[in-house]
Amino acid sequence: MTLALTWLGHPSDGQTTAATGLLAAAAAADGVEAISEAAVLRLHHPGADFVHLLAHDGAGTLTGYGSLDERVERRTAEFAVHPAHRRRGVGGALLAALLDRVRGPLWVWAHGEHPAALRLAQRAGLTRQRELLQLRRGLADPIVRRALPAGLALRAFEPGEDEAAVVRVNDRAFDWHPEQRRWDIGELVVREAQPWFDPKGFLLAVDAAGHLLGFHWTKVHPNDLGEIYVLAVDPDAQGTGLGGALTLAGLAHLRDRGVRQAMLYVESDNTAALHTYHKLGFTRHHTDVEFLSRSDSTATWW
């Protein structure tokens, strides 16, 4: 099959629309999102160190899409093939092009452990390094709120006022995390502009002086699925019970909005968090796997 591959820094509106349609078709066929939210946002809001790969067949039809975060500290790739054009070598061509462009360690996602993606990773000699679990639970049962630690109060996020404080707590809470630790105010502002953003569901825990110690940012997806989007507790407040109180407050907010099911993402090796979420009734829905394009045993995912 004739296949044309094109690298782009800033896709046109038409190319973005076509790629968005491809990703939607892949998600509908597979039951999981084809690429991460961060990659989708970069498709619609191009920036430095992020490039896009389009695969067209001989008729000019978009058959595959790939994204590449080229920041040197952790180059990361994601790609998807339109369901109507699978088993024709498109995925293999996309992966080969991504690996050839980087020519060094490259992290590659396989969302939902799609069998075809797993086979491609094996053929390319990639090693399985990281598992990100999506957990879900229903919200029909009562949610018992837990009191905040003494001296703290809960309030809603105020756009234009709280971004710097949220980034500070986020960076301190997630200094170990490969994606979350990269956030800055720009990452927040892009998400504040999304149709799903609701400051009332962005819960901040502050002390008497107004100092932020933790937050629970909830999200409601178009299919009425709620999400524990970001839950962060400043290291100075960890071990006080704030995390549990924030978790339950966010779930109660989602339930009060009429949302029937909640989801979250958690690292498979975060045993403490998994224990907490399992106690709250969350169970595994699917697993996203990240592979590395080198096989040395000393590789780590952070």
Protein backbone atom coordinates (compact mmCIF):
# COMPACT_ATOMS: atom_id res chain seq x y z
CA MET A 1 0.00 0.00 0.00
CA THR A 2 1.26 3.48 -0.88
CA LEU A 3 1.71 5.53 2.27
CA ALA A 4 2.87 9.13 2.62
CA LEU A 5 4.18 10.32 6.00
CA THR A 6 4.29 14.02 6.83
CA TRP A 7 5.80 15.76 9.88
CA LEU A 8 4.14 18.99 11.01
CA GLY A 9 4.79 21.49 13.74
CA HIS A 10 1.52 23.39 13.29
CA PRO A 11 -1.25 21.42 11.55
CA SER A 12 -3.80 23.41 9.58
CA ASP A 13 -7.41 23.62 10.71
CA GLY A 14 -8.35 21.00 8.14
CA GLN A 15 -5.57 18.66 9.23
CA THR A 16 -6.53 19.10 12.89
CA THR A 17 -10.16 18.32 12.08
CA ALA A 18 -9.19 15.20 10.13
CA ALA A 19 -6.90 13.98 12.94
CA THR A 20 -9.60 14.63 15.53
CA GLY A 21 -12.05 12.56 13.49
CA LEU A 22 -9.54 9.73 13.20
CA LEU A 23 -8.94 9.72 16.95
CA ALA A 24 -12.68 9.70 17.65
CA ALA A 25 -13.18 6.74 15.32
CA ALA A 26 -10.34 4.84 16.98
CA ALA A 27 -11.73 5.54 20.47
CA ALA A 28 -15.21 4.39 19.42
CA ALA A 29 -13.81 1.15 18.01
CA ASP A 30 -11.46 0.37 20.90
CA GLY A 31 -13.43 1.59 23.91
CA VAL A 32 -10.53 3.73 25.18
CA GLU A 33 -9.07 7.05 24.11
CA ALA A 34 -6.51 6.62 21.35
CA ILE A 35 -4.05 9.16 22.76
CA SER A 36 -3.73 11.09 26.01
CA GLU A 37 -5.54 14.32 26.80
CA ALA A 38 -2.20 16.16 26.82
CA ALA A 39 -1.48 15.04 23.25
CA VAL A 40 -4.98 16.03 22.13
CA LEU A 41 -4.53 19.48 23.62
CA ARG A 42 -1.21 19.86 21.79
CA LEU A 43 -2.95 18.95 18.54
CA HIS A 44 -5.35 21.87 19.02
CA HIS A 45 -2.80 24.17 20.71
CA PRO A 46 0.56 23.53 18.98
CA GLY A 47 3.71 24.55 20.77
CA ALA A 48 7.45 24.20 20.82
CA ASP A 49 9.00 20.74 21.19
CA PHE A 50 5.84 19.00 20.00
CA VAL A 51 5.39 17.63 16.47
CA HIS A 52 2.68 15.72 14.63
CA LEU A 53 2.92 12.87 12.13
CA LEU A 54 0.23 12.29 9.49
CA ALA A 55 -0.08 9.15 7.38
CA HIS A 56 -2.08 9.35 4.13
CA ASP A 57 -2.83 6.58 1.66
CA GLY A 58 -2.58 6.92 -2.12
CA ALA A 59 -6.02 8.49 -2.30
CA GLY A 60 -5.06 11.20 0.18
CA THR A 61 -7.12 9.74 3.04
CA LEU A 62 -5.74 10.22 6.54
CA THR A 63 -5.12 6.70 7.82
CA GLY A 64 -2.90 7.32 10.85
CA TYR A 65 -1.84 10.03 13.27
CA GLY A 66 1.13 10.26 15.62
CA SER A 67 2.28 12.83 18.15
CA LEU A 68 5.76 13.31 19.55
CA ASP A 69 6.82 15.29 22.58
CA GLU A 70 10.46 16.11 21.77
CA ARG A 71 11.50 17.59 25.09
CA VAL A 72 14.91 16.04 25.66
CA GLU A 73 14.38 14.97 29.27
CA ARG A 74 11.65 12.50 28.24
CA ARG A 75 10.70 12.09 24.59
CA THR A 76 7.24 10.53 24.38
CA ALA A 77 5.19 9.27 21.42
CA GLU A 78 1.58 8.23 20.86
CA PHE A 79 -0.11 7.15 17.66
CA ALA A 80 -3.36 5.73 16.31
CA VAL A 81 -4.61 4.10 13.12
CA HIS A 82 -8.10 4.59 11.73
CA PRO A 83 -10.13 1.38 12.28
CA ALA A 84 -10.96 1.17 8.58
CA HIS A 85 -7.27 1.13 7.64
CA ARG A 86 -5.77 -1.31 10.12
CA ARG A 87 -3.76 -4.43 9.28
CA ARG A 88 -2.18 -2.62 6.33
CA GLY A 89 1.14 -1.61 7.87
CA VAL A 90 0.14 1.91 8.89
CA GLY A 91 0.90 1.41 12.59
CA GLY A 92 4.28 -0.13 11.86
CA ALA A 93 5.17 2.76 9.55
CA LEU A 94 4.19 5.33 12.16
CA LEU A 95 6.22 3.64 14.89
CA ALA A 96 9.25 3.26 12.62
CA ALA A 97 9.11 6.96 11.71
CA LEU A 98 8.82 8.00 15.35
CA LEU A 99 11.78 5.83 16.38
CA ASP A 100 13.86 7.02 13.43
CA ARG A 101 13.25 10.68 14.24
CA VAL A 102 14.32 10.34 17.85
CA ARG A 103 17.21 7.85 17.38
CA GLY A 104 17.51 7.41 21.12
CA PRO A 105 15.39 6.52 24.14
CA LEU A 106 11.72 6.99 23.29
CA TRP A 107 8.68 6.34 25.48
CA VAL A 108 5.70 4.97 23.55
CA TRP A 109 2.14 4.62 24.85
CA ALA A 110 -0.22 1.70 24.16
CA HIS A 111 -3.55 2.88 25.53
CA GLY A 112 -5.86 0.13 26.70
CA GLU A 113 -3.20 -2.50 25.96
CA HIS A 114 -4.50 -2.75 22.40
CA PRO A 115 -3.30 -6.14 21.04
CA ALA A 116 -2.00 -4.63 17.79
CA ALA A 117 0.00 -2.01 19.70
CA LEU A 118 1.47 -4.68 21.96
CA ARG A 119 2.53 -6.73 18.92
CA LEU A 120 4.16 -3.70 17.32
CA ALA A 121 6.06 -2.93 20.51
CA GLN A 122 7.32 -6.49 20.72
CA ARG A 123 8.46 -6.51 17.09
CA ALA A 124 10.29 -3.21 17.58
CA GLY A 125 12.10 -4.53 20.66
CA LEU A 126 10.49 -2.08 23.06
CA THR A 127 10.38 -2.95 26.75
CA ARG A 128 7.32 -2.62 28.96
CA GLN A 129 8.24 -0.11 31.67
CA ARG A 130 5.12 1.49 33.11
CA GLU A 131 1.45 0.71 33.68
CA LEU A 132 -1.14 3.41 34.29
CA LEU A 133 -4.43 2.03 35.62
CA GLN A 134 -7.81 3.58 35.04
CA LEU A 135 -10.11 2.79 37.97
CA ARG A 136 -13.86 3.37 38.15
CA ARG A 137 -16.69 3.22 40.69
CA GLY A 138 -20.37 4.06 40.74
CA LEU A 139 -21.64 7.08 42.64
CA ALA A 140 -25.15 5.85 43.48
CA ASP A 141 -24.20 4.84 47.02
CA PRO A 142 -23.99 7.57 49.68
CA ILE A 143 -20.63 9.30 50.05
CA VAL A 144 -19.78 10.18 53.62
CA ARG A 145 -17.83 13.42 53.74
CA ARG A 146 -14.75 13.51 55.95
CA ALA A 147 -13.85 16.60 57.94
CA LEU A 148 -10.86 18.62 56.80
CA PRO A 149 -7.90 18.87 59.17
CA ALA A 150 -8.31 21.55 61.83
CA GLY A 151 -7.85 25.08 60.56
CA LEU A 152 -8.53 24.30 56.90
CA ALA A 153 -11.51 25.30 54.78
CA LEU A 154 -12.72 24.34 51.32
CA ARG A 155 -13.47 26.84 48.57
CA ALA A 156 -13.78 26.91 44.78
CA PHE A 157 -10.96 27.85 42.43
CA GLU A 158 -10.94 31.44 41.20
CA PRO A 159 -9.66 31.80 37.60
CA GLY A 160 -7.05 34.51 37.27
CA GLU A 161 -6.25 34.39 40.98
CA ASP A 162 -5.27 30.85 42.03
CA GLU A 163 -3.14 29.55 39.15
CA ALA A 164 0.26 30.27 40.71
CA ALA A 165 -0.67 28.66 44.04
CA VAL A 166 -2.07 25.57 42.31
CA VAL A 167 1.08 25.15 40.20
CA ARG A 168 3.23 25.49 43.31
CA VAL A 169 1.35 22.74 45.18
CA ASN A 170 1.15 20.59 42.05
CA ASP A 171 4.90 20.79 41.50
CA ARG A 172 5.66 19.94 45.12
CA ALA A 173 3.18 17.07 45.24
CA PHE A 174 4.18 15.56 41.89
CA ASP A 175 7.92 16.20 41.73
CA TRP A 176 8.32 12.45 41.01
CA HIS A 177 5.74 12.23 38.21
CA PRO A 178 6.90 12.13 34.55
CA GLU A 179 4.02 14.21 33.15
CA GLN A 180 2.39 16.08 36.03
CA ARG A 181 5.61 17.64 37.27
CA ARG A 182 5.92 19.50 33.95
CA TRP A 183 2.85 21.65 34.51
CA ASP A 184 3.05 25.43 34.55
CA ILE A 185 0.45 28.19 34.52
CA GLY A 186 0.08 27.78 30.77
CA GLU A 187 -1.04 24.17 31.22
CA LEU A 188 -3.78 25.36 33.59
CA VAL A 189 -4.92 28.20 31.33
CA VAL A 190 -5.32 25.86 28.34
CA ARG A 191 -7.53 23.57 30.40
CA GLU A 192 -9.53 26.47 31.82
CA ALA A 193 -10.52 27.27 28.23
CA GLN A 194 -11.93 23.77 27.63
CA PRO A 195 -15.73 23.30 27.48
CA TRP A 196 -15.67 20.91 30.45
CA PHE A 197 -13.93 23.31 32.83
CA ASP A 198 -16.00 24.24 35.89
CA PRO A 199 -14.33 26.22 38.70
CA LYS A 200 -17.02 24.98 41.11
CA GLY A 201 -15.59 21.48 40.70
CA PHE A 202 -12.03 22.68 41.38
CA LEU A 203 -11.89 22.43 45.17
CA LEU A 204 -9.11 24.16 47.12
CA ALA A 205 -8.16 23.46 50.74
CA VAL A 206 -6.75 26.62 52.34
CA ASP A 207 -5.67 27.59 55.84
CA ALA A 208 -6.83 30.65 57.80
CA ALA A 209 -4.30 32.83 56.01
CA GLY A 210 -5.52 31.65 52.61
CA HIS A 211 -2.45 29.50 51.98
CA LEU A 212 -3.20 26.59 49.63
CA LEU A 213 -2.34 23.14 51.03
CA GLY A 214 -4.17 20.85 48.63
CA PHE A 215 -6.76 20.64 45.89
CA HIS A 216 -9.12 18.25 44.13
CA TRP A 217 -9.80 19.16 40.51
CA THR A 218 -12.77 17.22 39.16
CA LYS A 219 -13.77 16.84 35.53
CA VAL A 220 -17.00 15.75 33.86
CA HIS A 221 -16.58 14.12 30.46
CA PRO A 222 -19.13 14.55 27.63
CA ASN A 223 -20.49 11.05 28.31
CA ASP A 224 -21.33 12.15 31.88
CA LEU A 225 -18.40 10.28 33.37
CA GLY A 226 -16.82 12.10 36.30
CA GLU A 227 -13.10 12.09 36.96
CA ILE A 228 -10.74 12.69 39.82
CA TYR A 229 -8.70 14.79 37.43
CA VAL A 230 -5.93 16.02 39.71
CA LEU A 231 -5.70 15.40 43.45
CA ALA A 232 -2.71 17.03 45.11
CA VAL A 233 -1.62 17.58 48.70
CA ASP A 234 1.35 19.73 49.60
CA PRO A 235 4.09 17.63 51.25
CA ASP A 236 3.77 19.82 54.36
CA ALA A 237 0.16 18.62 54.76
CA GLN A 238 0.62 14.97 53.88
CA GLY A 239 -0.26 12.48 56.59
CA THR A 240 -2.94 14.77 58.04
CA GLY A 241 -5.93 13.13 56.36
CA LEU A 242 -6.33 15.99 53.89
CA GLY A 243 -6.03 13.72 50.86
CA GLY A 244 -8.89 11.51 51.99
CA ALA A 245 -11.10 14.46 52.84
CA LEU A 246 -10.45 16.08 49.47
CA THR A 247 -11.14 12.81 47.64
CA LEU A 248 -14.53 12.37 49.27
CA ALA A 249 -15.44 16.05 48.81
CA GLY A 250 -14.76 15.78 45.09
CA LEU A 251 -16.74 12.56 44.71
CA ALA A 252 -19.66 14.12 46.57
CA HIS A 253 -19.51 17.13 44.23
CA LEU A 254 -19.65 14.84 41.18
CA ARG A 255 -22.57 12.89 42.65
CA ASP A 256 -24.42 16.11 43.46
CA ARG A 257 -24.04 17.13 39.82
CA GLY A 258 -25.89 13.97 38.84
CA VAL A 259 -22.83 12.07 37.63
CA ARG A 260 -23.34 8.32 38.04
CA GLN A 261 -19.77 7.03 37.67
CA ALA A 262 -16.31 8.30 38.54
CA MET A 263 -12.88 7.41 37.20
CA LEU A 264 -9.26 8.16 37.97
CA TYR A 265 -5.76 7.24 36.85
CA VAL A 266 -3.14 5.79 39.18
CA GLU A 267 0.29 4.24 38.71
CA SER A 268 0.22 0.45 39.06
CA ASP A 269 3.09 0.52 41.58
CA ASN A 270 1.52 3.18 43.82
CA THR A 271 0.40 0.65 46.39
CA ALA A 272 -0.70 3.20 48.99
CA ALA A 273 -2.99 5.01 46.55
CA LEU A 274 -4.35 1.76 45.16
CA HIS A 275 -5.19 0.57 48.68
CA THR A 276 -7.03 3.82 49.37
CA TYR A 277 -8.99 3.78 46.12
CA HIS A 278 -9.92 0.12 46.46
CA LYS A 279 -11.30 0.86 49.93
CA LEU A 280 -13.42 3.56 48.31
CA GLY A 281 -14.89 1.03 45.89
CA PHE A 282 -12.80 1.70 42.79
CA THR A 283 -11.95 -1.25 40.52
CA ARG A 284 -9.77 -1.49 37.41
CA HIS A 285 -11.38 -0.57 34.10
CA HIS A 286 -8.35 -0.78 31.80
CA THR A 287 -4.57 -0.36 31.69
CA ASP A 288 -2.45 2.01 29.62
CA VAL A 289 1.09 0.73 29.05
CA GLU A 290 4.20 2.74 28.31
CA PHE A 291 7.11 1.14 26.51
CA LEU A 292 10.72 2.25 26.22
CA SER A 293 12.87 1.91 23.10
CA ARG A 294 15.84 0.55 24.98
CA SER A 295 16.18 -2.71 26.91
CA ASP A 296 18.81 -1.94 29.52
CA SER A 297 17.68 -3.04 32.96
CA THR A 298 18.68 0.25 34.61
CA ALA A 299 16.01 2.26 32.77
CA THR A 300 13.50 4.04 34.97
CA TRP A 301 10.29 5.80 33.92
CA TRP A 302 10.98 9.09 35.66
